[in-house]
PDB file of N, CA and C in Angstrom:
ATOM      1  N   UNK A   1    -117.666  20.952 110.992  1.00  0.00           N
ATOM      2  CA  UNK A   1    -116.405  20.675 111.053  1.00  0.00           C
ATOM      3  C   UNK A   1    -116.302  19.635 111.725  1.00  0.00           C
ATOM      4  N   UNK A   2    -116.798  20.071 113.390  1.00  0.00           N
ATOM      5  CA  UNK A   2    -116.314  18.797 114.205  1.00  0.00           C
ATOM      6  C   UNK A   2    -117.485  18.084 114.952  1.00  0.00           C
ATOM      7  N   UNK A   3    -118.328  18.111 114.684  1.00  0.00           N
ATOM      8  CA  UNK A   3    -120.037  17.621 115.014  1.00  0.00           C
ATOM      9  C   UNK A   3    -119.804  16.017 114.832  1.00  0.00           C
ATOM     10  N   UNK A   4    -118.883  15.985 113.549  1.00  0.00           N
ATOM     11  CA  UNK A   4    -118.886  14.383 113.557  1.00  0.00           C
ATOM     12  C   UNK A   4    -117.936  13.538 113.894  1.00  0.00           C
ATOM     13  N   UNK A   5    -117.152  14.567 113.643  1.00  0.00           N
ATOM     14  CA  UNK A   5    -115.163  14.155 114.974  1.00  0.00           C
ATOM     15  C   UNK A   5    -115.618  13.493 116.142  1.00  0.00           C
ATOM     16  N   UNK A   6    -116.141  14.143 117.235  1.00  0.00           N
ATOM     17  CA  UNK A   6    -116.017  13.742 117.882  1.00  0.00           C
ATOM     18  C   UNK A   6    -116.797  11.665 117.981  1.00  0.00           C
ATOM     19  N   UNK A   7    -117.294  11.535 116.950  1.00  0.00           N
ATOM     20  CA  UNK A   7    -117.510   9.929 116.990  1.00  0.00           C
ATOM     21  C   UNK A   7    -116.529   9.293 116.543  1.00  0.00           C
ATOM     22  N   UNK A   8    -115.767  10.049 115.643  1.00  0.00           N
ATOM     23  CA  UNK A   8    -114.462   9.877 114.555  1.00  0.00           C
ATOM     24  C   UNK A   8    -113.243   8.769 115.208  1.00  0.00           C
ATOM     25  N   UNK A   9    -112.979  10.172 115.998  1.00  0.00           N
ATOM     26  CA  UNK A   9    -111.696  10.098 116.701  1.00  0.00           C
ATOM     27  C   UNK A   9    -112.056   9.051 118.375  1.00  0.00           C
ATOM     28  N   UNK A  10    -110.910   8.344 118.702  1.00  0.00           N
ATOM     29  CA  UNK A  10    -111.337   7.739 119.598  1.00  0.00           C
ATOM     30  C   UNK A  10    -111.089   8.695 121.266  1.00  0.00           C
ATOM     31  N   UNK A  11    -110.006   9.310 121.201  1.00  0.00           N
ATOM     32  CA  UNK A  11    -109.862  10.473 121.570  1.00  0.00           C
ATOM     33  C   UNK A  11    -108.857  11.723 121.290  1.00  0.00           C
ATOM     34  N   UNK A  12    -109.456  12.729 121.879  1.00  0.00           N
ATOM     35  CA  UNK A  12    -108.807  14.084 121.552  1.00  0.00           C
ATOM     36  C   UNK A  12    -107.654  14.362 122.404  1.00  0.00           C
ATOM     37  N   UNK A  13    -106.549  14.590 122.124  1.00  0.00           N
ATOM     38  CA  UNK A  13    -106.064  15.590 122.917  1.00  0.00           C
ATOM     39  C   UNK A  13    -105.618  16.948 122.781  1.00  0.00           C
ATOM     40  N   UNK A  14    -106.167  17.934 123.565  1.00  0.00           N
ATOM     41  CA  UNK A  14    -106.375  19.700 123.785  1.00  0.00           C
ATOM     42  C   UNK A  14    -105.135  20.408 124.611  1.00  0.00           C
ATOM     43  N   UNK A  15    -104.285  20.550 123.853  1.00  0.00           N
ATOM     44  CA  UNK A  15    -102.576  21.591 124.997  1.00  0.00           C
ATOM     45  C   UNK A  15    -103.520  23.329 124.503  1.00  0.00           C
ATOM     46  N   UNK A  16    -104.216  23.869 125.830  1.00  0.00           N
ATOM     47  CA  UNK A  16    -104.414  25.061 126.130  1.00  0.00           C
ATOM     48  C   UNK A  16    -103.011  26.161 126.411  1.00  0.00           C
ATOM     49  N   UNK A  17    -102.687  26.950 125.214  1.00  0.00           N
ATOM     50  CA  UNK A  17    -100.873  27.898 125.669  1.00  0.00           C
ATOM     51  C   UNK A  17     -99.793  27.159 126.560  1.00  0.00           C
ATOM     52  N   UNK A  18    -100.064  25.669 125.257  1.00  0.00           N
ATOM     53  CA  UNK A  18     -98.696  25.849 125.605  1.00  0.00           C
ATOM     54  C   UNK A  18     -97.420  26.438 125.439  1.00  0.00           C
ATOM     55  N   UNK A  19     -96.503  26.111 126.063  1.00  0.00           N
ATOM     56  CA  UNK A  19     -95.383  26.673 126.070  1.00  0.00           C
ATOM     57  C   UNK A  19     -94.023  25.808 125.422  1.00  0.00           C
ATOM     58  N   UNK A  20     -94.448  24.984 126.363  1.00  0.00           N
ATOM     59  CA  UNK A  20     -92.684  24.361 125.200  1.00  0.00           C
ATOM     60  C   UNK A  20     -92.381  23.311 124.204  1.00  0.00           C
ATOM     61  N   UNK A  21     -92.455  23.535 122.830  1.00  0.00           N
ATOM     62  CA  UNK A  21     -92.191  22.957 121.722  1.00  0.00           C
ATOM     63  C   UNK A  21     -91.260  21.381 122.261  1.00  0.00           C
ATOM     64  N   UNK A  22     -91.020  20.462 123.031  1.00  0.00           N
ATOM     65  CA  UNK A  22     -90.616  19.395 122.993  1.00  0.00           C
ATOM     66  C   UNK A  22     -91.697  18.759 124.038  1.00  0.00           C
ATOM     67  N   UNK A  23     -92.007  19.247 124.253  1.00  0.00           N
ATOM     68  CA  UNK A  23     -93.380  18.697 124.935  1.00  0.00           C
ATOM     69  C   UNK A  23     -94.585  18.498 123.616  1.00  0.00           C
ATOM     70  N   UNK A  24     -95.211  19.697 123.562  1.00  0.00           N
ATOM     71  CA  UNK A  24     -96.248  18.988 122.432  1.00  0.00           C
ATOM     72  C   UNK A  24     -95.344  18.431 121.343  1.00  0.00           C
ATOM     73  N   UNK A  25     -94.308  18.673 121.045  1.00  0.00           N
ATOM     74  CA  UNK A  25     -93.450  17.429 120.127  1.00  0.00           C
ATOM     75  C   UNK A  25     -93.943  16.171 120.373  1.00  0.00           C
ATOM     76  N   UNK A  26     -93.353  16.004 121.028  1.00  0.00           N
ATOM     77  CA  UNK A  26     -93.493  14.530 121.943  1.00  0.00           C
ATOM     78  C   UNK A  26     -95.159  13.913 121.834  1.00  0.00           C
ATOM     79  N   UNK A  27     -95.823  15.179 122.195  1.00  0.00           N
ATOM     80  CA  UNK A  27     -97.410  14.718 122.366  1.00  0.00           C
ATOM     81  C   UNK A  27     -97.876  14.373 120.856  1.00  0.00           C
ATOM     82  N   UNK A  28     -97.183  15.674 119.622  1.00  0.00           N
ATOM     83  CA  UNK A  28     -97.622  15.410 118.856  1.00  0.00           C
ATOM     84  C   UNK A  28     -96.876  14.253 117.376  1.00  0.00           C
ATOM     85  N   UNK A  29     -95.946  13.635 117.590  1.00  0.00           N
ATOM     86  CA  UNK A  29     -96.089  11.962 118.136  1.00  0.00           C
ATOM     87  C   UNK A  29     -96.318  10.583 118.159  1.00  0.00           C
ATOM     88  N   UNK A  30     -96.978  10.977 119.183  1.00  0.00           N
ATOM     89  CA  UNK A  30     -97.514   9.962 120.138  1.00  0.00           C
ATOM     90  C   UNK A  30     -99.133  10.023 119.481  1.00  0.00           C
ATOM     91  N   UNK A  31     -99.211  11.536 119.156  1.00  0.00           N
ATOM     92  CA  UNK A  31    -100.734  11.209 118.555  1.00  0.00           C
ATOM     93  C   UNK A  31    -100.989  10.990 116.781  1.00  0.00           C
ATOM     94  N   UNK A  32     -99.292  10.975 116.569  1.00  0.00           N
ATOM     95  CA  UNK A  32     -99.796  10.597 114.723  1.00  0.00           C
ATOM     96  C   UNK A  32     -99.164   9.161 114.712  1.00  0.00           C
ATOM     97  N   UNK A  33     -98.747   8.678 116.179  1.00  0.00           N
ATOM     98  CA  UNK A  33     -98.758   7.048 115.736  1.00  0.00           C
ATOM     99  C   UNK A  33     -99.657   6.197 116.756  1.00  0.00           C
ATOM    100  N   UNK A  34    -100.691   7.160 116.854  1.00  0.00           N
ATOM    101  CA  UNK A  34    -101.860   6.165 117.466  1.00  0.00           C
ATOM    102  C   UNK A  34    -102.908   6.846 116.885  1.00  0.00           C
ATOM    103  N   UNK A  35    -102.803   8.060 115.712  1.00  0.00           N
ATOM    104  CA  UNK A  35    -104.293   8.756 114.973  1.00  0.00           C
ATOM    105  C   UNK A  35    -104.909   8.751 115.584  1.00  0.00           C
ATOM    106  N   UNK A  36    -104.605   9.203 117.084  1.00  0.00           N
ATOM    107  CA  UNK A  36    -105.480  11.025 117.999  1.00  0.00           C
ATOM    108  C   UNK A  36    -105.371  12.359 117.127  1.00  0.00           C
ATOM    109  N   UNK A  37    -106.522  12.930 117.264  1.00  0.00           N
ATOM    110  CA  UNK A  37    -105.638  14.653 116.772  1.00  0.00           C
ATOM    111  C   UNK A  37    -105.140  15.501 118.021  1.00  0.00           C
ATOM    112  N   UNK A  38    -104.905  16.153 117.662  1.00  0.00           N
ATOM    113  CA  UNK A  38    -104.037  17.032 118.694  1.00  0.00           C
ATOM    114  C   UNK A  38    -105.220  18.465 118.367  1.00  0.00           C
ATOM    115  N   UNK A  39    -105.643  19.138 119.317  1.00  0.00           N
ATOM    116  CA  UNK A  39    -105.929  20.184 119.149  1.00  0.00           C
ATOM    117  C   UNK A  39    -104.789  21.227 120.446  1.00  0.00           C
ATOM    118  N   UNK A  40    -105.041  22.273 119.787  1.00  0.00           N
ATOM    119  CA  UNK A  40    -103.815  23.247 120.429  1.00  0.00           C
ATOM    120  C   UNK A  40    -104.978  24.437 120.361  1.00  0.00           C
ATOM    121  N   UNK A  41    -104.932  25.654 122.008  1.00  0.00           N
ATOM    122  CA  UNK A  41    -105.961  26.461 121.662  1.00  0.00           C
ATOM    123  C   UNK A  41    -104.935  27.706 122.321  1.00  0.00           C
ATOM    124  N   UNK A  42    -105.019  28.912 121.549  1.00  0.00           N
ATOM    125  CA  UNK A  42    -104.760  30.059 122.761  1.00  0.00           C
ATOM    126  C   UNK A  42    -103.817  30.058 121.937  1.00  0.00           C
ATOM    127  N   UNK A  43    -102.891  31.093 122.810  1.00  0.00           N
ATOM    128  CA  UNK A  43    -101.653  31.614 122.453  1.00  0.00           C
ATOM    129  C   UNK A  43    -100.504  30.182 122.572  1.00  0.00           C
ATOM    130  N   UNK A  44     -99.462  30.172 121.903  1.00  0.00           N
ATOM    131  CA  UNK A  44     -98.466  28.718 121.503  1.00  0.00           C
ATOM    132  C   UNK A  44     -97.257  29.633 122.114  1.00  0.00           C
ATOM    133  N   UNK A  45     -96.311  29.118 122.369  1.00  0.00           N
ATOM    134  CA  UNK A  45     -95.246  29.809 123.311  1.00  0.00           C
ATOM    135  C   UNK A  45     -93.881  29.476 122.538  1.00  0.00           C
ATOM    136  N   UNK A  46     -94.478  28.989 120.544  1.00  0.00           N
ATOM    137  CA  UNK A  46     -93.442  28.404 119.848  1.00  0.00           C
ATOM    138  C   UNK A  46     -93.895  28.203 118.791  1.00  0.00           C
ATOM    139  N   UNK A  47     -94.106  28.287 117.199  1.00  0.00           N
ATOM    140  CA  UNK A  47     -93.923  28.146 116.022  1.00  0.00           C
ATOM    141  C   UNK A  47     -94.678  26.996 115.205  1.00  0.00           C
ATOM    142  N   UNK A  48     -95.519  26.395 115.180  1.00  0.00           N
ATOM    143  CA  UNK A  48     -95.820  25.509 114.285  1.00  0.00           C
ATOM    144  C   UNK A  48     -96.036  25.491 112.754  1.00  0.00           C
ATOM    145  N   UNK A  49     -95.367  27.034 112.280  1.00  0.00           N
ATOM    146  CA  UNK A  49     -95.281  26.632 110.825  1.00  0.00           C
ATOM    147  C   UNK A  49     -94.452  25.813 110.219  1.00  0.00           C
ATOM    148  N   UNK A  50     -94.844  25.472 108.765  1.00  0.00           N
ATOM    149  CA  UNK A  50     -93.954  24.693 108.236  1.00  0.00           C
ATOM    150  C   UNK A  50     -92.682  24.988 107.867  1.00  0.00           C
ATOM    151  N   UNK A  51     -92.068  25.835 108.074  1.00  0.00           N
ATOM    152  CA  UNK A  51     -90.875  26.107 108.064  1.00  0.00           C
ATOM    153  C   UNK A  51     -89.943  25.949 109.656  1.00  0.00           C
ATOM    154  N   UNK A  52     -90.416  26.351 110.476  1.00  0.00           N
ATOM    155  CA  UNK A  52     -90.536  26.050 111.821  1.00  0.00           C
ATOM    156  C   UNK A  52     -90.077  24.424 112.390  1.00  0.00           C
ATOM    157  N   UNK A  53     -91.545  23.742 111.739  1.00  0.00           N
ATOM    158  CA  UNK A  53     -91.685  22.256 111.920  1.00  0.00           C
ATOM    159  C   UNK A  53     -90.612  21.398 111.427  1.00  0.00           C
ATOM    160  N   UNK A  54     -90.365  22.348 110.056  1.00  0.00           N
ATOM    161  CA  UNK A  54     -89.500  20.898 108.754  1.00  0.00           C
ATOM    162  C   UNK A  54     -87.948  21.089 109.762  1.00  0.00           C
ATOM    163  N   UNK A  55     -87.637  23.124 110.457  1.00  0.00           N
ATOM    164  CA  UNK A  55     -85.965  23.080 111.016  1.00  0.00           C
ATOM    165  C   UNK A  55     -86.451  21.775 112.586  1.00  0.00           C
ATOM    166  N   UNK A  56     -87.092  21.845 112.597  1.00  0.00           N
ATOM    167  CA  UNK A  56     -86.949  21.093 114.217  1.00  0.00           C
ATOM    168  C   UNK A  56     -86.635  19.547 114.006  1.00  0.00           C
ATOM    169  N   UNK A  57     -87.211  19.223 113.025  1.00  0.00           N
ATOM    170  CA  UNK A  57     -87.359  17.535 112.583  1.00  0.00           C
ATOM    171  C   UNK A  57     -88.247  17.391 112.670  1.00  0.00           C
ATOM    172  N   UNK A  58     -89.146  17.023 113.301  1.00  0.00           N
ATOM    173  CA  UNK A  58     -90.836  16.686 113.139  1.00  0.00           C
ATOM    174  C   UNK A  58     -91.148  16.344 112.313  1.00  0.00           C
ATOM    175  N   UNK A  59     -90.538  14.990 111.202  1.00  0.00           N
ATOM    176  CA  UNK A  59     -90.954  14.548 110.183  1.00  0.00           C
ATOM    177  C   UNK A  59     -91.996  13.799 110.017  1.00  0.00           C
ATOM    178  N   UNK A  60     -92.474  13.827 110.884  1.00  0.00           N
ATOM    179  CA  UNK A  60     -93.610  13.050 111.653  1.00  0.00           C
ATOM    180  C   UNK A  60     -95.067  14.051 111.347  1.00  0.00           C
ATOM    181  N   UNK A  61     -94.454  15.151 111.436  1.00  0.00           N
ATOM    182  CA  UNK A  61     -96.195  15.948 111.903  1.00  0.00           C
ATOM    183  C   UNK A  61     -97.019  15.937 110.524  1.00  0.00           C
ATOM    184  N   UNK A  62     -96.618  15.985 109.022  1.00  0.00           N
ATOM    185  CA  UNK A  62     -97.622  15.903 107.953  1.00  0.00           C
ATOM    186  C   UNK A  62     -98.796  14.570 108.369  1.00  0.00           C
ATOM    187  N   UNK A  63     -98.467  13.531 109.238  1.00  0.00           N
ATOM    188  CA  UNK A  63     -98.783  12.588 109.645  1.00  0.00           C
ATOM    189  C   UNK A  63    -100.215  12.303 110.575  1.00  0.00           C
ATOM    190  N   UNK A  64     -99.928  13.386 111.629  1.00  0.00           N
ATOM    191  CA  UNK A  64    -101.007  13.845 111.973  1.00  0.00           C
ATOM    192  C   UNK A  64    -102.112  14.730 112.200  1.00  0.00           C
ATOM    193  N   UNK A  65    -103.034  14.857 112.710  1.00  0.00           N
ATOM    194  CA  UNK A  65    -104.461  15.747 112.838  1.00  0.00           C
ATOM    195  C   UNK A  65    -104.060  16.647 113.341  1.00  0.00           C
ATOM    196  N   UNK A  66    -103.689  17.899 113.261  1.00  0.00           N
ATOM    197  CA  UNK A  66    -103.796  19.097 114.327  1.00  0.00           C
ATOM    198  C   UNK A  66    -104.994  20.096 114.101  1.00  0.00           C
ATOM    199  N   UNK A  67    -105.314  20.735 115.274  1.00  0.00           N
ATOM    200  CA  UNK A  67    -106.218  21.406 115.193  1.00  0.00           C
ATOM    201  C   UNK A  67    -106.215  22.616 115.822  1.00  0.00           C
ATOM    202  N   UNK A  68    -105.940  24.337 114.771  1.00  0.00           N
ATOM    203  CA  UNK A  68    -105.924  25.597 115.811  1.00  0.00           C
ATOM    204  C   UNK A  68    -106.878  26.281 116.162  1.00  0.00           C
ATOM    205  N   UNK A  69    -107.662  26.571 117.745  1.00  0.00           N
ATOM    206  CA  UNK A  69    -108.694  27.181 117.515  1.00  0.00           C
ATOM    207  C   UNK A  69    -108.105  28.335 118.528  1.00  0.00           C
ATOM    208  N   UNK A  70    -108.824  29.614 118.675  1.00  0.00           N
ATOM    209  CA  UNK A  70    -108.540  29.989 119.489  1.00  0.00           C
ATOM    210  C   UNK A  70    -108.795  30.591 120.529  1.00  0.00           C
ATOM    211  N   UNK A  71    -109.191  30.032 121.591  1.00  0.00           N
ATOM    212  CA  UNK A  71    -109.561  30.104 122.550  1.00  0.00           C
ATOM    213  C   UNK A  71    -111.091  28.454 122.721  1.00  0.00           C
ATOM    214  N   UNK A  72    -111.150  28.017 123.749  1.00  0.00           N
ATOM    215  CA  UNK A  72    -111.969  27.337 124.422  1.00  0.00           C
ATOM    216  C   UNK A  72    -113.124  27.110 123.892  1.00  0.00           C
ATOM    217  N   UNK A  73    -113.573  28.884 124.207  1.00  0.00           N
ATOM    218  CA  UNK A  73    -115.528  28.214 123.700  1.00  0.00           C
ATOM    219  C   UNK A  73    -115.352  27.871 122.192  1.00  0.00           C
ATOM    220  N   UNK A  74    -114.217  28.521 120.811  1.00  0.00           N
ATOM    221  CA  UNK A  74    -114.392  28.141 120.114  1.00  0.00           C
ATOM    222  C   UNK A  74    -114.606  26.159 119.625  1.00  0.00           C
ATOM    223  N   UNK A  75    -113.729  25.936 120.737  1.00  0.00           N
ATOM    224  CA  UNK A  75    -113.272  24.694 120.629  1.00  0.00           C
ATOM    225  C   UNK A  75    -115.086  23.807 120.726  1.00  0.00           C
ATOM    226  N   UNK A  76    -115.218  24.306 122.049  1.00  0.00           N
ATOM    227  CA  UNK A  76    -116.325  23.605 122.600  1.00  0.00           C
ATOM    228  C   UNK A  76    -117.613  23.732 121.849  1.00  0.00           C
ATOM    229  N   UNK A  77    -117.546  24.993 120.949  1.00  0.00           N
ATOM    230  CA  UNK A  77    -118.733  24.994 119.835  1.00  0.00           C
ATOM    231  C   UNK A  77    -118.271  24.011 119.011  1.00  0.00           C
ATOM    232  N   UNK A  78    -117.599  23.479 118.190  1.00  0.00           N
ATOM    233  CA  UNK A  78    -117.177  23.148 117.776  1.00  0.00           C
ATOM    234  C   UNK A  78    -117.561  21.451 118.153  1.00  0.00           C
ATOM    235  N   UNK A  79    -117.116  21.779 118.951  1.00  0.00           N
ATOM    236  CA  UNK A  79    -116.825  19.940 119.334  1.00  0.00           C
ATOM    237  C   UNK A  79    -117.641  19.330 119.446  1.00  0.00           C
ATOM    238  N   UNK A  80    -119.370  19.838 119.342  1.00  0.00           N
ATOM    239  CA  UNK A  80    -121.096  19.743 119.606  1.00  0.00           C
ATOM    240  C   UNK A  80    -120.848  18.948 121.112  1.00  0.00           C
ATOM    241  N   UNK A  81    -121.632  17.905 121.484  1.00  0.00           N
ATOM    242  CA  UNK A  81    -122.132  17.607 122.695  1.00  0.00           C
ATOM    243  C   UNK A  81    -120.849  16.750 123.399  1.00  0.00           C
ATOM    244  N   UNK A  82    -119.231  17.027 122.637  1.00  0.00           N
ATOM    245  CA  UNK A  82    -118.501  16.088 123.341  1.00  0.00           C
ATOM    246  C   UNK A  82    -118.724  15.999 124.932  1.00  0.00           C
ATOM    247  N   UNK A  83    -117.964  14.817 125.451  1.00  0.00           N
ATOM    248  CA  UNK A  83    -117.412  15.263 126.894  1.00  0.00           C
ATOM    249  C   UNK A  83    -115.677  15.925 126.966  1.00  0.00           C
ATOM    250  N   UNK A  84    -115.865  16.706 127.670  1.00  0.00           N
ATOM    251  CA  UNK A  84    -114.270  17.146 128.091  1.00  0.00           C
ATOM    252  C   UNK A  84    -113.894  16.579 129.390  1.00  0.00           C
ATOM    253  N   UNK A  85    -112.444  16.270 129.676  1.00  0.00           N
ATOM    254  CA  UNK A  85    -112.189  15.787 130.661  1.00  0.00           C
ATOM    255  C   UNK A  85    -110.598  17.050 130.992  1.00  0.00           C
ATOM    256  N   UNK A  86    -110.765  17.965 132.774  1.00  0.00           N
ATOM    257  CA  UNK A  86    -109.171  18.389 132.094  1.00  0.00           C
ATOM    258  C   UNK A  86    -108.602  18.156 133.725  1.00  0.00           C
ATOM    259  N   UNK A  87    -107.561  17.852 132.679  1.00  0.00           N
ATOM    260  CA  UNK A  87    -106.402  17.596 133.627  1.00  0.00           C
ATOM    261  C   UNK A  87    -105.630  18.991 134.679  1.00  0.00           C
ATOM    262  N   UNK A  88    -105.033  18.803 136.127  1.00  0.00           N
ATOM    263  CA  UNK A  88    -105.026  19.632 136.716  1.00  0.00           C
ATOM    264  C   UNK A  88    -104.440  19.397 137.828  1.00  0.00           C
ATOM    265  N   UNK A  89    -103.254  19.780 138.353  1.00  0.00           N
ATOM    266  CA  UNK A  89    -102.646  19.123 139.907  1.00  0.00           C
ATOM    267  C   UNK A  89    -103.502  19.918 140.901  1.00  0.00           C
ATOM    268  N   UNK A  90    -104.553  20.481 140.881  1.00  0.00           N
ATOM    269  CA  UNK A  90    -105.462  20.644 142.579  1.00  0.00           C
ATOM    270  C   UNK A  90    -106.842  20.126 141.844  1.00  0.00           C
ATOM    271  N   UNK A  91    -106.993  19.200 141.240  1.00  0.00           N
ATOM    272  CA  UNK A  91    -108.034  18.102 140.959  1.00  0.00           C
ATOM    273  C   UNK A  91    -108.353  17.586 142.002  1.00  0.00           C
ATOM    274  N   UNK A  92    -109.519  17.737 142.084  1.00  0.00           N
ATOM    275  CA  UNK A  92    -110.230  17.014 143.725  1.00  0.00           C
ATOM    276  C   UNK A  92    -110.162  15.370 143.488  1.00  0.00           C
ATOM    277  N   UNK A  93    -110.167  15.027 142.227  1.00  0.00           N
ATOM    278  CA  UNK A  93    -110.085  13.229 141.647  1.00  0.00           C
ATOM    279  C   UNK A  93    -109.050  13.156 140.840  1.00  0.00           C
ATOM    280  N   UNK A  94    -108.329  12.203 141.379  1.00  0.00           N
ATOM    281  CA  UNK A  94    -107.204  11.939 140.019  1.00  0.00           C
ATOM    282  C   UNK A  94    -107.886  11.076 139.098  1.00  0.00           C
ATOM    283  N   UNK A  95    -107.006  11.243 137.810  1.00  0.00           N
ATOM    284  CA  UNK A  95    -107.259  11.114 136.837  1.00  0.00           C
ATOM    285  C   UNK A  95    -108.044   9.785 136.540  1.00  0.00           C
ATOM    286  N   UNK A  96    -107.087   8.455 137.312  1.00  0.00           N
ATOM    287  CA  UNK A  96    -107.196   7.272 137.116  1.00  0.00           C
ATOM    288  C   UNK A  96    -109.065   6.599 137.092  1.00  0.00           C
ATOM    289  N   UNK A  97    -109.490   7.908 138.108  1.00  0.00           N
ATOM    290  CA  UNK A  97    -111.431   7.000 138.230  1.00  0.00           C
ATOM    291  C   UNK A  97    -111.966   7.705 137.115  1.00  0.00           C
ATOM    292  N   UNK A  98    -111.833   8.454 136.672  1.00  0.00           N
ATOM    293  CA  UNK A  98    -112.525   9.639 135.382  1.00  0.00           C
ATOM    294  C   UNK A  98    -112.632   8.004 134.528  1.00  0.00           C
ATOM    295  N   UNK A  99    -114.230   7.951 133.335  1.00  0.00           N
ATOM    296  CA  UNK A  99    -114.751   6.879 132.796  1.00  0.00           C
ATOM    297  C   UNK A  99    -114.356   7.500 131.955  1.00  0.00           C
ATOM    298  N   UNK A 100    -113.150   7.306 131.417  1.00  0.00           N
ATOM    299  CA  UNK A 100    -113.382   7.804 129.655  1.00  0.00           C
ATOM    300  C   UNK A 100    -114.469   7.124 128.315  1.00  0.00           C
ATOM    301  N   UNK A 101    -114.218   8.020 127.598  1.00  0.00           N
ATOM    302  CA  UNK A 101    -115.854   7.309 126.693  1.00  0.00           C
ATOM    303  C   UNK A 101    -115.205   7.040 125.444  1.00  0.00           C
ATOM    304  N   UNK A 102    -115.509   6.560 124.381  1.00  0.00           N
ATOM    305  CA  UNK A 102    -115.034   7.375 123.098  1.00  0.00           C
ATOM    306  C   UNK A 102    -115.446   8.662 122.657  1.00  0.00           C
ATOM    307  N   UNK A 103    -113.912   9.432 121.892  1.00  0.00           N
ATOM    308  CA  UNK A 103    -114.598  10.549 121.480  1.00  0.00           C
ATOM    309  C   UNK A 103    -114.883  11.499 122.308  1.00  0.00           C
ATOM    310  N   UNK A 104    -114.367  11.382 124.180  1.00  0.00           N
ATOM    311  CA  UNK A 104    -113.644  12.417 124.867  1.00  0.00           C
ATOM    312  C   UNK A 104    -112.768  12.741 124.553  1.00  0.00           C
ATOM    313  N   UNK A 105    -113.064  14.488 124.650  1.00  0.00           N
ATOM    314  CA  UNK A 105    -111.891  15.334 125.056  1.00  0.00           C
ATOM    315  C   UNK A 105    -110.621  15.545 126.615  1.00  0.00           C
ATOM    316  N   UNK A 106    -109.464  14.968 126.043  1.00  0.00           N
ATOM    317  CA  UNK A 106    -107.990  15.223 127.201  1.00  0.00           C
ATOM    318  C   UNK A 106    -107.701  16.937 127.642  1.00  0.00           C
ATOM    319  N   UNK A 107    -107.996  17.195 128.216  1.00  0.00           N
ATOM    320  CA  UNK A 107    -107.583  18.597 128.322  1.00  0.00           C
ATOM    321  C   UNK A 107    -106.021  18.800 129.188  1.00  0.00           C
ATOM    322  N   UNK A 108    -105.206  19.844 128.964  1.00  0.00           N
ATOM    323  CA  UNK A 108    -104.373  20.087 129.272  1.00  0.00           C
ATOM    324  C   UNK A 108    -103.851  21.587 129.369  1.00  0.00           C
ATOM    325  N   UNK A 109    -103.221  22.173 130.340  1.00  0.00           N
ATOM    326  CA  UNK A 109    -103.028  23.613 130.403  1.00  0.00           C
ATOM    327  C   UNK A 109    -101.520  23.786 129.866  1.00  0.00           C
ATOM    328  N   UNK A 110    -101.314  25.488 130.282  1.00  0.00           N
ATOM    329  CA  UNK A 110     -99.378  25.600 129.861  1.00  0.00           C
ATOM    330  C   UNK A 110     -98.634  24.859 131.225  1.00  0.00           C
ATOM    331  N   UNK A 111     -97.388  23.773 130.830  1.00  0.00           N
ATOM    332  CA  UNK A 111     -96.577  24.028 131.088  1.00  0.00           C
ATOM    333  C   UNK A 111     -96.196  24.311 133.085  1.00  0.00           C
ATOM    334  N   UNK A 112     -96.549  25.632 132.709  1.00  0.00           N
ATOM    335  CA  UNK A 112     -95.915  26.632 133.366  1.00  0.00           C
ATOM    336  C   UNK A 112     -97.053  27.064 134.970  1.00  0.00           C
ATOM    337  N   UNK A 113     -98.044  27.268 134.228  1.00  0.00           N
ATOM    338  CA  UNK A 113     -99.455  27.527 134.153  1.00  0.00           C
ATOM    339  C   UNK A 113    -100.658  27.198 134.521  1.00  0.00           C
ATOM    340  N   UNK A 114    -100.753  25.791 133.978  1.00  0.00           N
ATOM    341  CA  UNK A 114    -101.358  24.824 133.865  1.00  0.00           C
ATOM    342  C   UNK A 114    -102.982  25.604 133.063  1.00  0.00           C
ATOM    343  N   UNK A 115    -104.277  24.899 133.438  1.00  0.00           N
ATOM    344  CA  UNK A 115    -105.312  25.342 132.768  1.00  0.00           C
ATOM    345  C   UNK A 115    -105.551  26.396 133.835  1.00  0.00           C
ATOM    346  N   UNK A 116    -106.536  28.000 132.619  1.00  0.00           N
ATOM    347  CA  UNK A 116    -106.505  28.862 133.312  1.00  0.00           C
ATOM    348  C   UNK A 116    -107.370  28.999 134.318  1.00  0.00           C
ATOM    349  N   UNK A 117    -108.326  29.477 135.132  1.00  0.00           N
ATOM    350  CA  UNK A 117    -109.313  29.010 135.934  1.00  0.00           C
ATOM    351  C   UNK A 117    -110.704  29.492 135.546  1.00  0.00           C
ATOM    352  N   UNK A 118    -111.050  29.819 134.601  1.00  0.00           N
ATOM    353  CA  UNK A 118    -112.183  30.486 134.089  1.00  0.00           C
ATOM    354  C   UNK A 118    -112.484  29.062 132.970  1.00  0.00           C
ATOM    355  N   UNK A 119    -111.503  28.687 133.123  1.00  0.00           N
ATOM    356  CA  UNK A 119    -111.206  27.417 132.224  1.00  0.00           C
ATOM    357  C   UNK A 119    -112.058  25.909 133.220  1.00  0.00           C
ATOM    358  N   UNK A 120    -111.067  26.326 134.416  1.00  0.00           N
ATOM    359  CA  UNK A 120    -111.623  25.293 135.582  1.00  0.00           C
ATOM    360  C   UNK A 120    -112.746  25.567 136.493  1.00  0.00           C
TER     361      UNK A 120
END
């Protein structure tokens, strides 16, 4: 399923355990507008079922590529040899020094706790 995807999309946005639905909604809108897939990993602090999305007025939701993963191990396996960039406020290097390439995955943690230590 994902082995060809790394070459199909210019970037992938990944949220690990997102807690704030408005943040994910804003990113989902950006992903829909730019044809970039959004990957939601782990436990969510909100629901993304059809009824919840419709009630929130997310009329762009059907136009985006959304993927759910139980954990990062599942995503890593499905992404094949894709490159991952992890964003953290405790990073040693600023994001603007990274060399992004076609098909890279940009990984962000929960708004309140960031990425789990086992990922970093």
